[in-house]
Amino acid sequence: MESKTKNTKARPQIAAMVARAFGGMKLADSEDAVLELKEGWFNAAYDIRLADGRQVILKIAPPRDAEVLLYEKNIMATEVAAMRLVRQNPAIPVPEIYFYDDAHDVCDSDYFFMEKIAGDNLEHVKARLSPEAQASVDLHIGEIIREINGFTGTYFGYEGNPDLRASTWKEAFIKIVESVLEDGARKNVVYDHGHDEIRAAVLKHARALEEITTPRLVHWDAWDLNFFVKEGRIAGIIDFERAIWADPLMEAQFRPLFSDGITSSMRGYGKTSFTFEEEQRCSLYTLHLGLVMNTECYYRNYDTDFVYNLSRQLMGASMDWLRAN
């Protein structure tokens, strides 16, 4: 995926970043010592081989002058903090952060090196898994997400942007939706629904947000591309950059993107039935996801219409439900 926010670097600069992070260590001499990982949509990432044979992953934040959405402010610092936090729980297979640098002298933006996970990207191997193996993997995903949601915070919203925080989830969520509408207005984005229609749908169901009184850590971006599988189990979960203190029902496992009804990941999580208020919140969170995806297309300049088309489907379905109920 090509994206305007990817801050790619040449080998000599990456060598300097390696030397700082690993006490003067050099890159391996081979051409494959620096391999760009192109699946992501936001950061630049590389598979790095060090001179001593170790393999690590390098992740580089967008340039500091890159246009990003308001909730993406200080996004890499959020990711590092969240990964270090969840590593306290051995049931969450998150890679170790080896080094994080926000000095901006060796590199013009934040970057970090982390452990390379042993295993295959779930998105790449999913089609080859038997139905039984896929169900087992999805059950494990649900268990991991439940463990992540076990961490509690002191406020609702984003660590990287204090403007998008509040003491109640209702206030924080309304702020967050308004911030995305503001992001869209800066780019003159025209949605299939007007800003006032979207606001009205949110406010109509906002009372359901009042049920959430404890901020819980939400990964929010736990799609198949961010999981690695080995021997029928999840061996790693990555990309905590969009982590938020929120309602666990914001998790991807509760978004109706590619399936209907109760999924294996929901069973693994232990959540297989929903009250009307929970259905309200799920529809609000699907609307928010579609709104973010639609808006970010105007910031990233993607080389595909996939994200844009999917965002319109999500917004349309959620708006229909919110207006009808």
C-alpha atoms as a PDB file:
ATOM      1  CA  MET A   1       0.000   0.000   0.000  1.00  0.00           C
ATOM      2  CA  GLU A   2       1.368   3.377  -1.028  1.00  0.00           C
ATOM      3  CA  SER A   3       0.452   6.264   1.247  1.00  0.00           C
ATOM      4  CA  LYS A   4       1.422   9.915   1.553  1.00  0.00           C
ATOM      5  CA  THR A   5       2.323   9.484   5.229  1.00  0.00           C
ATOM      6  CA  LYS A   6       4.971   6.781   4.755  1.00  0.00           C
ATOM      7  CA  ASN A   7       8.344   8.216   5.753  1.00  0.00           C
ATOM      8  CA  THR A   8      10.664   5.868   3.863  1.00  0.00           C
ATOM      9  CA  LYS A   9      14.429   6.030   4.380  1.00  0.00           C
ATOM     10  CA  ALA A  10      17.529   4.954   2.438  1.00  0.00           C
ATOM     11  CA  ARG A  11      19.894   2.297   3.729  1.00  0.00           C
ATOM     12  CA  PRO A  12      22.637   4.684   5.011  1.00  0.00           C
ATOM     13  CA  GLN A  13      20.193   6.516   7.272  1.00  0.00           C
ATOM     14  CA  ILE A  14      18.727   3.247   8.542  1.00  0.00           C
ATOM     15  CA  ALA A  15      22.285   2.113   9.313  1.00  0.00           C
ATOM     16  CA  ALA A  16      22.729   5.203  11.502  1.00  0.00           C
ATOM     17  CA  MET A  17      19.467   4.451  13.306  1.00  0.00           C
ATOM     18  CA  VAL A  18      20.612   0.867  13.907  1.00  0.00           C
ATOM     19  CA  ALA A  19      23.948   2.070  15.295  1.00  0.00           C
ATOM     20  CA  ARG A  20      22.211   4.350  17.780  1.00  0.00           C
ATOM     21  CA  ALA A  21      19.708   1.734  18.886  1.00  0.00           C
ATOM     22  CA  PHE A  22      22.109  -1.189  19.252  1.00  0.00           C
ATOM     23  CA  GLY A  23      25.314   0.302  20.620  1.00  0.00           C
ATOM     24  CA  GLY A  24      27.179   0.850  17.354  1.00  0.00           C
ATOM     25  CA  MET A  25      25.924  -2.347  15.691  1.00  0.00           C
ATOM     26  CA  LYS A  26      26.128  -2.436  11.887  1.00  0.00           C
ATOM     27  CA  LEU A  27      23.727  -3.789   9.323  1.00  0.00           C
ATOM     28  CA  ALA A  28      24.449  -7.170   7.776  1.00  0.00           C
ATOM     29  CA  ASP A  29      26.363  -6.880   4.501  1.00  0.00           C
ATOM     30  CA  SER A  30      23.708  -8.625   2.393  1.00  0.00           C
ATOM     31  CA  GLU A  31      21.291  -6.751   0.157  1.00  0.00           C
ATOM     32  CA  ASP A  32      18.354  -8.161   2.105  1.00  0.00           C
ATOM     33  CA  ALA A  33      19.534  -6.554   5.348  1.00  0.00           C
ATOM     34  CA  VAL A  34      16.902  -3.838   4.780  1.00  0.00           C
ATOM     35  CA  LEU A  35      13.562  -4.980   3.393  1.00  0.00           C
ATOM     36  CA  GLU A  36      10.604  -2.621   3.312  1.00  0.00           C
ATOM     37  CA  LEU A  37       7.330  -4.057   4.609  1.00  0.00           C
ATOM     38  CA  LYS A  38       4.645  -2.565   2.399  1.00  0.00           C
ATOM     39  CA  GLU A  39       1.391  -3.898   3.826  1.00  0.00           C
ATOM     40  CA  GLY A  40       0.786  -1.017   6.255  1.00  0.00           C
ATOM     41  CA  TRP A  41      -1.131   2.133   5.383  1.00  0.00           C
ATOM     42  CA  PHE A  42       0.395   4.783   7.655  1.00  0.00           C
ATOM     43  CA  ASN A  43       3.965   4.236   8.886  1.00  0.00           C
ATOM     44  CA  ALA A  44       7.049   3.055   7.044  1.00  0.00           C
ATOM     45  CA  ALA A  45       8.300  -0.323   8.285  1.00  0.00           C
ATOM     46  CA  TYR A  46      11.352  -2.466   7.568  1.00  0.00           C
ATOM     47  CA  ASP A  47      12.588  -5.973   8.279  1.00  0.00           C
ATOM     48  CA  ILE A  48      16.187  -5.407   9.406  1.00  0.00           C
ATOM     49  CA  ARG A  49      19.042  -7.909   9.642  1.00  0.00           C
ATOM     50  CA  LEU A  50      21.881  -6.894  11.962  1.00  0.00           C
ATOM     51  CA  ALA A  51      25.538  -7.790  11.529  1.00  0.00           C
ATOM     52  CA  ASP A  52      25.300 -10.291  14.407  1.00  0.00           C
ATOM     53  CA  GLY A  53      22.489 -12.149  12.601  1.00  0.00           C
ATOM     54  CA  ARG A  54      19.559 -10.849  14.612  1.00  0.00           C
ATOM     55  CA  GLN A  55      16.416  -9.788  12.764  1.00  0.00           C
ATOM     56  CA  VAL A  56      14.385  -6.856  14.083  1.00  0.00           C
ATOM     57  CA  ILE A  57      11.564  -4.655  12.843  1.00  0.00           C
ATOM     58  CA  LEU A  58      11.994  -0.906  12.364  1.00  0.00           C
ATOM     59  CA  LYS A  59       8.941   1.336  12.333  1.00  0.00           C
ATOM     60  CA  ILE A  60       9.132   5.021  11.348  1.00  0.00           C
ATOM     61  CA  ALA A  61       6.396   7.570  12.023  1.00  0.00           C
ATOM     62  CA  PRO A  62       5.198  10.000   9.331  1.00  0.00           C
ATOM     63  CA  PRO A  63       7.199  13.210   8.832  1.00  0.00           C
ATOM     64  CA  ARG A  64       6.426  15.822  11.474  1.00  0.00           C
ATOM     65  CA  ASP A  65       4.896  18.125   8.839  1.00  0.00           C
ATOM     66  CA  ALA A  66       2.678  15.390   7.388  1.00  0.00           C
ATOM     67  CA  GLU A  67      -1.042  16.079   7.469  1.00  0.00           C
ATOM     68  CA  VAL A  68      -2.682  13.554   9.788  1.00  0.00           C
ATOM     69  CA  LEU A  69      -6.035  13.298  11.515  1.00  0.00           C
ATOM     70  CA  LEU A  70      -6.398  14.936  14.920  1.00  0.00           C
ATOM     71  CA  TYR A  71      -6.613  11.622  16.753  1.00  0.00           C
ATOM     72  CA  GLU A  72      -3.307  10.581  15.174  1.00  0.00           C
ATOM     73  CA  LYS A  73      -1.323  13.253  17.031  1.00  0.00           C
ATOM     74  CA  ASN A  74       1.754  11.687  18.734  1.00  0.00           C
ATOM     75  CA  ILE A  75       0.589   8.323  17.463  1.00  0.00           C
ATOM     76  CA  MET A  76       3.909   6.505  17.771  1.00  0.00           C
ATOM     77  CA  ALA A  77       4.392   7.496  21.398  1.00  0.00           C
ATOM     78  CA  THR A  78       0.931   6.054  22.039  1.00  0.00           C
ATOM     79  CA  GLU A  79       1.902   2.801  20.333  1.00  0.00           C
ATOM     80  CA  VAL A  80       5.115   2.343  22.306  1.00  0.00           C
ATOM     81  CA  ALA A  81       3.395   3.115  25.604  1.00  0.00           C
ATOM     82  CA  ALA A  82       0.548   0.694  24.883  1.00  0.00           C
ATOM     83  CA  MET A  83       2.866  -2.138  23.813  1.00  0.00           C
ATOM     84  CA  ARG A  84       5.042  -1.746  26.889  1.00  0.00           C
ATOM     85  CA  LEU A  85       1.938  -1.747  29.066  1.00  0.00           C
ATOM     86  CA  VAL A  86       0.347  -4.894  27.659  1.00  0.00           C
ATOM     87  CA  ARG A  87       3.631  -6.844  27.800  1.00  0.00           C
ATOM     88  CA  GLN A  88       2.983  -6.992  31.530  1.00  0.00           C
ATOM     89  CA  ASN A  89       0.404  -9.666  30.705  1.00  0.00           C
ATOM     90  CA  PRO A  90       2.062 -12.825  29.290  1.00  0.00           C
ATOM     91  CA  ALA A  91      -1.250 -13.891  27.712  1.00  0.00           C
ATOM     92  CA  ILE A  92      -0.848 -11.035  25.201  1.00  0.00           C
ATOM     93  CA  PRO A  93       1.823 -11.997  22.623  1.00  0.00           C
ATOM     94  CA  VAL A  94       3.121  -8.511  21.878  1.00  0.00           C
ATOM     95  CA  PRO A  95       6.690  -8.001  20.608  1.00  0.00           C
ATOM     96  CA  GLU A  96       9.310  -6.394  22.815  1.00  0.00           C
ATOM     97  CA  ILE A  97      10.260  -2.764  22.112  1.00  0.00           C
ATOM     98  CA  TYR A  98      14.070  -2.678  21.915  1.00  0.00           C
ATOM     99  CA  PHE A  99      14.573   1.054  21.374  1.00  0.00           C
ATOM    100  CA  TYR A 100      12.394   4.139  20.884  1.00  0.00           C
ATOM    101  CA  ASP A 101      13.841   7.459  19.700  1.00  0.00           C
ATOM    102  CA  ASP A 102      11.963  10.762  19.565  1.00  0.00           C
ATOM    103  CA  ALA A 103      15.045  13.044  19.451  1.00  0.00           C
ATOM    104  CA  HIS A 104      14.649  13.745  15.693  1.00  0.00           C
ATOM    105  CA  ASP A 105      18.351  14.169  15.020  1.00  0.00           C
ATOM    106  CA  VAL A 106      19.215  10.828  13.418  1.00  0.00           C
ATOM    107  CA  CYS A 107      15.743  10.633  11.884  1.00  0.00           C
ATOM    108  CA  ASP A 108      13.290  13.468  11.215  1.00  0.00           C
ATOM    109  CA  SER A 109      10.464  11.664  13.020  1.00  0.00           C
ATOM    110  CA  ASP A 110       9.911   9.171  15.819  1.00  0.00           C
ATOM    111  CA  TYR A 111      11.005   5.587  15.213  1.00  0.00           C
ATOM    112  CA  PHE A 112      11.435   2.365  17.147  1.00  0.00           C
ATOM    113  CA  PHE A 113      12.920  -1.088  16.801  1.00  0.00           C
ATOM    114  CA  MET A 114      11.009  -4.102  18.026  1.00  0.00           C
ATOM    115  CA  GLU A 115      11.229  -7.869  18.167  1.00  0.00           C
ATOM    116  CA  LYS A 116      10.428  -9.727  14.949  1.00  0.00           C
ATOM    117  CA  ILE A 117       7.589 -12.169  15.533  1.00  0.00           C
ATOM    118  CA  ALA A 118       8.085 -15.792  14.521  1.00  0.00           C
ATOM    119  CA  GLY A 119       5.070 -16.815  12.449  1.00  0.00           C
ATOM    120  CA  ASP A 120       3.022 -16.004   9.376  1.00  0.00           C
ATOM    121  CA  ASN A 121       0.845 -12.959   8.861  1.00  0.00           C
ATOM    122  CA  LEU A 122      -2.732 -14.142   9.355  1.00  0.00           C
ATOM    123  CA  GLU A 123      -4.003 -12.155   6.375  1.00  0.00           C
ATOM    124  CA  HIS A 124      -1.538 -13.974   4.117  1.00  0.00           C
ATOM    125  CA  VAL A 125      -2.286 -17.526   5.281  1.00  0.00           C
ATOM    126  CA  LYS A 126      -5.947 -17.338   6.244  1.00  0.00           C
ATOM    127  CA  ALA A 127      -7.199 -18.808   2.969  1.00  0.00           C
ATOM    128  CA  ARG A 128      -5.028 -21.910   3.509  1.00  0.00           C
ATOM    129  CA  LEU A 129      -6.372 -22.665   6.988  1.00  0.00           C
ATOM    130  CA  SER A 130      -9.027 -25.316   7.437  1.00  0.00           C
ATOM    131  CA  PRO A 131     -12.361 -24.129   8.861  1.00  0.00           C
ATOM    132  CA  GLU A 132     -11.448 -25.808  12.156  1.00  0.00           C
ATOM    133  CA  ALA A 133      -8.027 -24.144  12.285  1.00  0.00           C
ATOM    134  CA  GLN A 134      -9.524 -20.752  11.434  1.00  0.00           C
ATOM    135  CA  ALA A 135     -12.114 -21.103  14.179  1.00  0.00           C
ATOM    136  CA  SER A 136      -9.391 -21.994  16.682  1.00  0.00           C
ATOM    137  CA  VAL A 137      -7.285 -18.997  15.671  1.00  0.00           C
ATOM    138  CA  ASP A 138     -10.287 -16.677  15.907  1.00  0.00           C
ATOM    139  CA  LEU A 139     -11.136 -18.015  19.358  1.00  0.00           C
ATOM    140  CA  HIS A 140      -7.585 -17.211  20.441  1.00  0.00           C
ATOM    141  CA  ILE A 141      -7.901 -13.691  18.988  1.00  0.00           C
ATOM    142  CA  GLY A 142     -10.990 -13.104  21.081  1.00  0.00           C
ATOM    143  CA  GLU A 143      -9.156 -14.273  24.198  1.00  0.00           C
ATOM    144  CA  ILE A 144      -6.241 -11.909  23.504  1.00  0.00           C
ATOM    145  CA  ILE A 145      -8.496  -8.906  22.893  1.00  0.00           C
ATOM    146  CA  ARG A 146     -10.295  -9.597  26.177  1.00  0.00           C
ATOM    147  CA  GLU A 147      -6.930  -9.557  27.977  1.00  0.00           C
ATOM    148  CA  ILE A 148      -6.002  -6.223  26.349  1.00  0.00           C
ATOM    149  CA  ASN A 149      -9.320  -4.764  27.471  1.00  0.00           C
ATOM    150  CA  GLY A 150      -8.452  -5.833  31.009  1.00  0.00           C
ATOM    151  CA  PHE A 151      -6.164  -2.822  31.435  1.00  0.00           C
ATOM    152  CA  THR A 152      -7.976   0.183  32.895  1.00  0.00           C
ATOM    153  CA  GLY A 153      -7.134   3.883  32.691  1.00  0.00           C
ATOM    154  CA  THR A 154      -7.902   7.160  34.403  1.00  0.00           C
ATOM    155  CA  TYR A 155      -9.594   8.996  31.508  1.00  0.00           C
ATOM    156  CA  PHE A 156     -11.414   8.272  28.254  1.00  0.00           C
ATOM    157  CA  GLY A 157      -9.791   9.108  24.928  1.00  0.00           C
ATOM    158  CA  TYR A 158      -6.335   9.257  23.359  1.00  0.00           C
ATOM    159  CA  GLU A 159      -2.999   9.375  25.134  1.00  0.00           C
ATOM    160  CA  GLY A 160      -1.409  11.337  22.300  1.00  0.00           C
ATOM    161  CA  ASN A 161      -3.990  14.127  22.137  1.00  0.00           C
ATOM    162  CA  PRO A 162      -5.226  15.614  25.445  1.00  0.00           C
ATOM    163  CA  ASP A 163      -7.853  17.603  23.502  1.00  0.00           C
ATOM    164  CA  LEU A 164      -9.604  14.323  22.736  1.00  0.00           C
ATOM    165  CA  ARG A 165     -10.027  13.186  26.339  1.00  0.00           C
ATOM    166  CA  ALA A 166     -12.815  13.479  28.895  1.00  0.00           C
ATOM    167  CA  SER A 167     -13.872  12.116  32.244  1.00  0.00           C
ATOM    168  CA  THR A 168     -16.949  10.432  30.705  1.00  0.00           C
ATOM    169  CA  TRP A 169     -17.113   8.192  27.661  1.00  0.00           C
ATOM    170  CA  LYS A 170     -20.106  10.051  26.242  1.00  0.00           C
ATOM    171  CA  GLU A 171     -18.221  13.361  26.244  1.00  0.00           C
ATOM    172  CA  ALA A 172     -15.046  11.786  24.860  1.00  0.00           C
ATOM    173  CA  PHE A 173     -16.806   9.946  22.031  1.00  0.00           C
ATOM    174  CA  ILE A 174     -18.697  13.043  20.910  1.00  0.00           C
ATOM    175  CA  LYS A 175     -15.394  14.981  20.913  1.00  0.00           C
ATOM    176  CA  ILE A 176     -13.766  12.233  18.857  1.00  0.00           C
ATOM    177  CA  VAL A 177     -16.530  12.195  16.233  1.00  0.00           C
ATOM    178  CA  GLU A 178     -16.426  15.992  16.010  1.00  0.00           C
ATOM    179  CA  SER A 179     -12.656  15.864  15.512  1.00  0.00           C
ATOM    180  CA  VAL A 180     -13.048  13.595  12.475  1.00  0.00           C
ATOM    181  CA  LEU A 181     -15.711  15.888  11.028  1.00  0.00           C
ATOM    182  CA  GLU A 182     -13.256  18.756  11.564  1.00  0.00           C
ATOM    183  CA  ASP A 183     -10.547  16.751   9.779  1.00  0.00           C
ATOM    184  CA  GLY A 184     -12.947  16.241   6.891  1.00  0.00           C
ATOM    185  CA  ALA A 185     -13.889  19.916   6.732  1.00  0.00           C
ATOM    186  CA  ARG A 186     -10.204  20.865   6.361  1.00  0.00           C
ATOM    187  CA  LYS A 187     -10.095  18.769   3.172  1.00  0.00           C
ATOM    188  CA  ASN A 188     -13.573  19.743   1.960  1.00  0.00           C
ATOM    189  CA  VAL A 189     -14.692  16.121   2.238  1.00  0.00           C
ATOM    190  CA  VAL A 190     -18.272  15.509   1.112  1.00  0.00           C
ATOM    191  CA  TYR A 191     -19.731  12.439   2.817  1.00  0.00           C
ATOM    192  CA  ASP A 192     -22.844  10.585   1.704  1.00  0.00           C
ATOM    193  CA  HIS A 193     -24.481  12.075   4.805  1.00  0.00           C
ATOM    194  CA  GLY A 194     -24.243  15.692   5.932  1.00  0.00           C
ATOM    195  CA  HIS A 195     -22.395  16.698   9.101  1.00  0.00           C
ATOM    196  CA  ASP A 196     -25.656  17.600  10.821  1.00  0.00           C
ATOM    197  CA  GLU A 197     -27.175  14.209   9.893  1.00  0.00           C
ATOM    198  CA  ILE A 198     -24.177  12.435  11.412  1.00  0.00           C
ATOM    199  CA  ARG A 199     -24.306  14.562  14.561  1.00  0.00           C
ATOM    200  CA  ALA A 200     -28.037  13.934  14.928  1.00  0.00           C
ATOM    201  CA  ALA A 201     -27.555  10.171  14.661  1.00  0.00           C
ATOM    202  CA  VAL A 202     -24.835  10.242  17.323  1.00  0.00           C
ATOM    203  CA  LEU A 203     -26.809  12.441  19.713  1.00  0.00           C
ATOM    204  CA  LYS A 204     -29.953  10.353  19.259  1.00  0.00           C
ATOM    205  CA  HIS A 205     -28.158   7.317  20.698  1.00  0.00           C
ATOM    206  CA  ALA A 206     -25.629   9.068  22.934  1.00  0.00           C
ATOM    207  CA  ARG A 207     -27.385   8.069  26.138  1.00  0.00           C
ATOM    208  CA  ALA A 208     -26.241   4.470  25.548  1.00  0.00           C
ATOM    209  CA  LEU A 209     -22.659   5.691  25.963  1.00  0.00           C
ATOM    210  CA  GLU A 210     -23.389   6.580  29.583  1.00  0.00           C
ATOM    211  CA  GLU A 211     -23.329   2.876  30.511  1.00  0.00           C
ATOM    212  CA  ILE A 212     -19.543   2.901  30.103  1.00  0.00           C
ATOM    213  CA  THR A 213     -17.961   4.195  33.297  1.00  0.00           C
ATOM    214  CA  THR A 214     -14.507   2.505  33.290  1.00  0.00           C
ATOM    215  CA  PRO A 215     -11.908   3.435  30.643  1.00  0.00           C
ATOM    216  CA  ARG A 216     -10.464   0.226  29.190  1.00  0.00           C
ATOM    217  CA  LEU A 217      -7.570  -0.165  26.795  1.00  0.00           C
ATOM    218  CA  VAL A 218      -8.906  -0.783  23.288  1.00  0.00           C
ATOM    219  CA  HIS A 219      -6.569  -1.822  20.449  1.00  0.00           C
ATOM    220  CA  TRP A 220      -9.159  -0.667  17.850  1.00  0.00           C
ATOM    221  CA  ASP A 221      -7.076  -1.813  14.857  1.00  0.00           C
ATOM    222  CA  ALA A 222      -6.969  -5.581  15.461  1.00  0.00           C
ATOM    223  CA  TRP A 223      -7.593  -6.796  11.902  1.00  0.00           C
ATOM    224  CA  ASP A 224      -6.034  -9.941  10.393  1.00  0.00           C
ATOM    225  CA  LEU A 225      -3.018  -8.015   9.050  1.00  0.00           C
ATOM    226  CA  ASN A 226      -1.999  -7.204  12.611  1.00  0.00           C
ATOM    227  CA  PHE A 227      -1.887 -10.806  13.820  1.00  0.00           C
ATOM    228  CA  PHE A 228       0.750 -13.486  13.283  1.00  0.00           C
ATOM    229  CA  VAL A 229      -0.026 -17.175  13.553  1.00  0.00           C
ATOM    230  CA  LYS A 230       2.215 -20.147  14.273  1.00  0.00           C
ATOM    231  CA  GLU A 231       1.227 -23.787  14.786  1.00  0.00           C
ATOM    232  CA  GLY A 232      -2.449 -22.929  14.982  1.00  0.00           C
ATOM    233  CA  ARG A 233      -2.102 -20.203  17.627  1.00  0.00           C
ATOM    234  CA  ILE A 234      -1.690 -16.437  17.531  1.00  0.00           C
ATOM    235  CA  ALA A 235       2.025 -15.796  17.962  1.00  0.00           C
ATOM    236  CA  GLY A 236       1.891 -12.016  17.914  1.00  0.00           C
ATOM    237  CA  ILE A 237      -0.274  -8.910  17.739  1.00  0.00           C
ATOM    238  CA  ILE A 238       1.093  -5.556  16.529  1.00  0.00           C
ATOM    239  CA  ASP A 239       0.058  -1.987  15.621  1.00  0.00           C
ATOM    240  CA  PHE A 240      -1.164  -0.510  18.884  1.00  0.00           C
ATOM    241  CA  GLU A 241      -0.742   3.012  17.501  1.00  0.00           C
ATOM    242  CA  ARG A 242      -4.487   3.716  17.508  1.00  0.00           C
ATOM    243  CA  ALA A 243      -5.029   2.435  21.030  1.00  0.00           C
ATOM    244  CA  ILE A 244      -7.641   4.340  23.009  1.00  0.00           C
ATOM    245  CA  TRP A 245      -9.115   4.291  26.510  1.00  0.00           C
ATOM    246  CA  ALA A 246     -12.687   3.489  25.674  1.00  0.00           C
ATOM    247  CA  ASP A 247     -15.490   0.915  25.473  1.00  0.00           C
ATOM    248  CA  PRO A 248     -14.315  -2.610  24.502  1.00  0.00           C
ATOM    249  CA  LEU A 249     -17.161  -2.798  21.974  1.00  0.00           C
ATOM    250  CA  MET A 250     -15.056  -0.468  19.806  1.00  0.00           C
ATOM    251  CA  GLU A 251     -12.792  -3.423  18.980  1.00  0.00           C
ATOM    252  CA  ALA A 252     -12.668  -4.699  15.405  1.00  0.00           C
ATOM    253  CA  GLN A 253     -14.073  -8.048  16.551  1.00  0.00           C
ATOM    254  CA  PHE A 254     -17.439  -6.326  17.055  1.00  0.00           C
ATOM    255  CA  ARG A 255     -17.562  -4.630  13.640  1.00  0.00           C
ATOM    256  CA  PRO A 256     -19.719  -6.375  10.987  1.00  0.00           C
ATOM    257  CA  LEU A 257     -17.224  -6.065   8.145  1.00  0.00           C
ATOM    258  CA  PHE A 258     -16.859  -9.556   6.783  1.00  0.00           C
ATOM    259  CA  SER A 259     -19.396 -11.694   8.654  1.00  0.00           C
ATOM    260  CA  ASP A 260     -22.844 -11.617  10.179  1.00  0.00           C
ATOM    261  CA  GLY A 261     -23.932 -12.965  13.516  1.00  0.00           C
ATOM    262  CA  ILE A 262     -21.815 -14.438  16.287  1.00  0.00           C
ATOM    263  CA  THR A 263     -18.202 -15.164  15.302  1.00  0.00           C
ATOM    264  CA  SER A 264     -15.534 -17.407  16.779  1.00  0.00           C
ATOM    265  CA  SER A 265     -13.614 -14.361  17.992  1.00  0.00           C
ATOM    266  CA  MET A 266     -16.712 -13.224  19.892  1.00  0.00           C
ATOM    267  CA  ARG A 267     -16.950 -16.672  21.462  1.00  0.00           C
ATOM    268  CA  GLY A 268     -13.297 -16.486  22.433  1.00  0.00           C
ATOM    269  CA  TYR A 269     -13.923 -13.077  23.956  1.00  0.00           C
ATOM    270  CA  GLY A 270     -16.935 -14.397  25.824  1.00  0.00           C
ATOM    271  CA  LYS A 271     -19.398 -11.937  24.300  1.00  0.00           C
ATOM    272  CA  THR A 272     -22.160 -13.625  22.273  1.00  0.00           C
ATOM    273  CA  SER A 273     -25.259 -11.584  23.065  1.00  0.00           C
ATOM    274  CA  PHE A 274     -25.980  -7.858  23.063  1.00  0.00           C
ATOM    275  CA  THR A 275     -28.494  -5.617  24.772  1.00  0.00           C
ATOM    276  CA  PHE A 276     -30.231  -2.924  22.756  1.00  0.00           C
ATOM    277  CA  GLU A 277     -27.927  -0.329  24.319  1.00  0.00           C
ATOM    278  CA  GLU A 278     -24.891  -2.379  23.257  1.00  0.00           C
ATOM    279  CA  GLU A 279     -26.303  -2.614  19.724  1.00  0.00           C
ATOM    280  CA  GLN A 280     -26.665   1.169  19.770  1.00  0.00           C
ATOM    281  CA  ARG A 281     -23.022   1.587  20.747  1.00  0.00           C
ATOM    282  CA  CYS A 282     -21.841  -0.956  18.177  1.00  0.00           C
ATOM    283  CA  SER A 283     -23.634   0.996  15.446  1.00  0.00           C
ATOM    284  CA  LEU A 284     -22.145   4.260  16.696  1.00  0.00           C
ATOM    285  CA  TYR A 285     -18.663   2.727  16.617  1.00  0.00           C
ATOM    286  CA  THR A 286     -19.216   1.359  13.098  1.00  0.00           C
ATOM    287  CA  LEU A 287     -20.256   4.835  11.980  1.00  0.00           C
ATOM    288  CA  HIS A 288     -17.115   6.271  13.588  1.00  0.00           C
ATOM    289  CA  LEU A 289     -14.902   3.681  11.882  1.00  0.00           C
ATOM    290  CA  GLY A 290     -16.450   4.406   8.481  1.00  0.00           C
ATOM    291  CA  LEU A 291     -16.072   8.142   9.073  1.00  0.00           C
ATOM    292  CA  VAL A 292     -12.375   7.763   9.934  1.00  0.00           C
ATOM    293  CA  MET A 293     -11.690   5.501   6.934  1.00  0.00           C
ATOM    294  CA  ASN A 294     -13.489   7.841   4.543  1.00  0.00           C
ATOM    295  CA  THR A 295     -11.720  10.934   5.850  1.00  0.00           C
ATOM    296  CA  GLU A 296      -8.235   9.429   5.898  1.00  0.00           C
ATOM    297  CA  CYS A 297      -8.436   8.741   2.157  1.00  0.00           C
ATOM    298  CA  TYR A 298      -8.100  12.483   1.613  1.00  0.00           C
ATOM    299  CA  TYR A 299      -4.965  12.614   3.792  1.00  0.00           C
ATOM    300  CA  ARG A 300      -3.186   9.471   2.571  1.00  0.00           C
ATOM    301  CA  ASN A 301      -3.734   9.586  -1.211  1.00  0.00           C
ATOM    302  CA  TYR A 302      -4.073   5.796  -1.347  1.00  0.00           C
ATOM    303  CA  ASP A 303      -3.392   4.042  -4.627  1.00  0.00           C
ATOM    304  CA  THR A 304      -6.629   2.022  -4.332  1.00  0.00           C
ATOM    305  CA  ASP A 305     -10.339   2.753  -3.816  1.00  0.00           C
ATOM    306  CA  PHE A 306     -10.789  -0.191  -1.428  1.00  0.00           C
ATOM    307  CA  VAL A 307     -10.737   1.866   1.780  1.00  0.00           C
ATOM    308  CA  TYR A 308     -13.023   4.551   0.386  1.00  0.00           C
ATOM    309  CA  ASN A 309     -15.608   2.100  -0.926  1.00  0.00           C
ATOM    310  CA  LEU A 310     -15.636   0.093   2.296  1.00  0.00           C
ATOM    311  CA  SER A 311     -16.000   3.266   4.361  1.00  0.00           C
ATOM    312  CA  ARG A 312     -19.127   4.258   2.434  1.00  0.00           C
ATOM    313  CA  GLN A 313     -20.652   0.827   3.050  1.00  0.00           C
ATOM    314  CA  LEU A 314     -19.957   1.063   6.776  1.00  0.00           C
ATOM    315  CA  MET A 315     -21.324   4.589   7.090  1.00  0.00           C
ATOM    316  CA  GLY A 316     -24.406   3.784   5.051  1.00  0.00           C
ATOM    317  CA  ALA A 317     -25.320   0.654   7.009  1.00  0.00           C
ATOM    318  CA  SER A 318     -24.728   2.241  10.409  1.00  0.00           C
ATOM    319  CA  MET A 319     -26.615   5.437   9.543  1.00  0.00           C
ATOM    320  CA  ASP A 320     -29.578   3.364   8.331  1.00  0.00           C
ATOM    321  CA  TRP A 321     -29.648   1.470  11.632  1.00  0.00           C
ATOM    322  CA  LEU A 322     -29.189   4.538  13.819  1.00  0.00           C
ATOM    323  CA  ARG A 323     -31.995   6.419  12.091  1.00  0.00           C
ATOM    324  CA  ALA A 324     -34.365   3.445  12.150  1.00  0.00           C
ATOM    325  CA  ASN A 325     -33.917   2.530  15.804  1.00  0.00           C
END
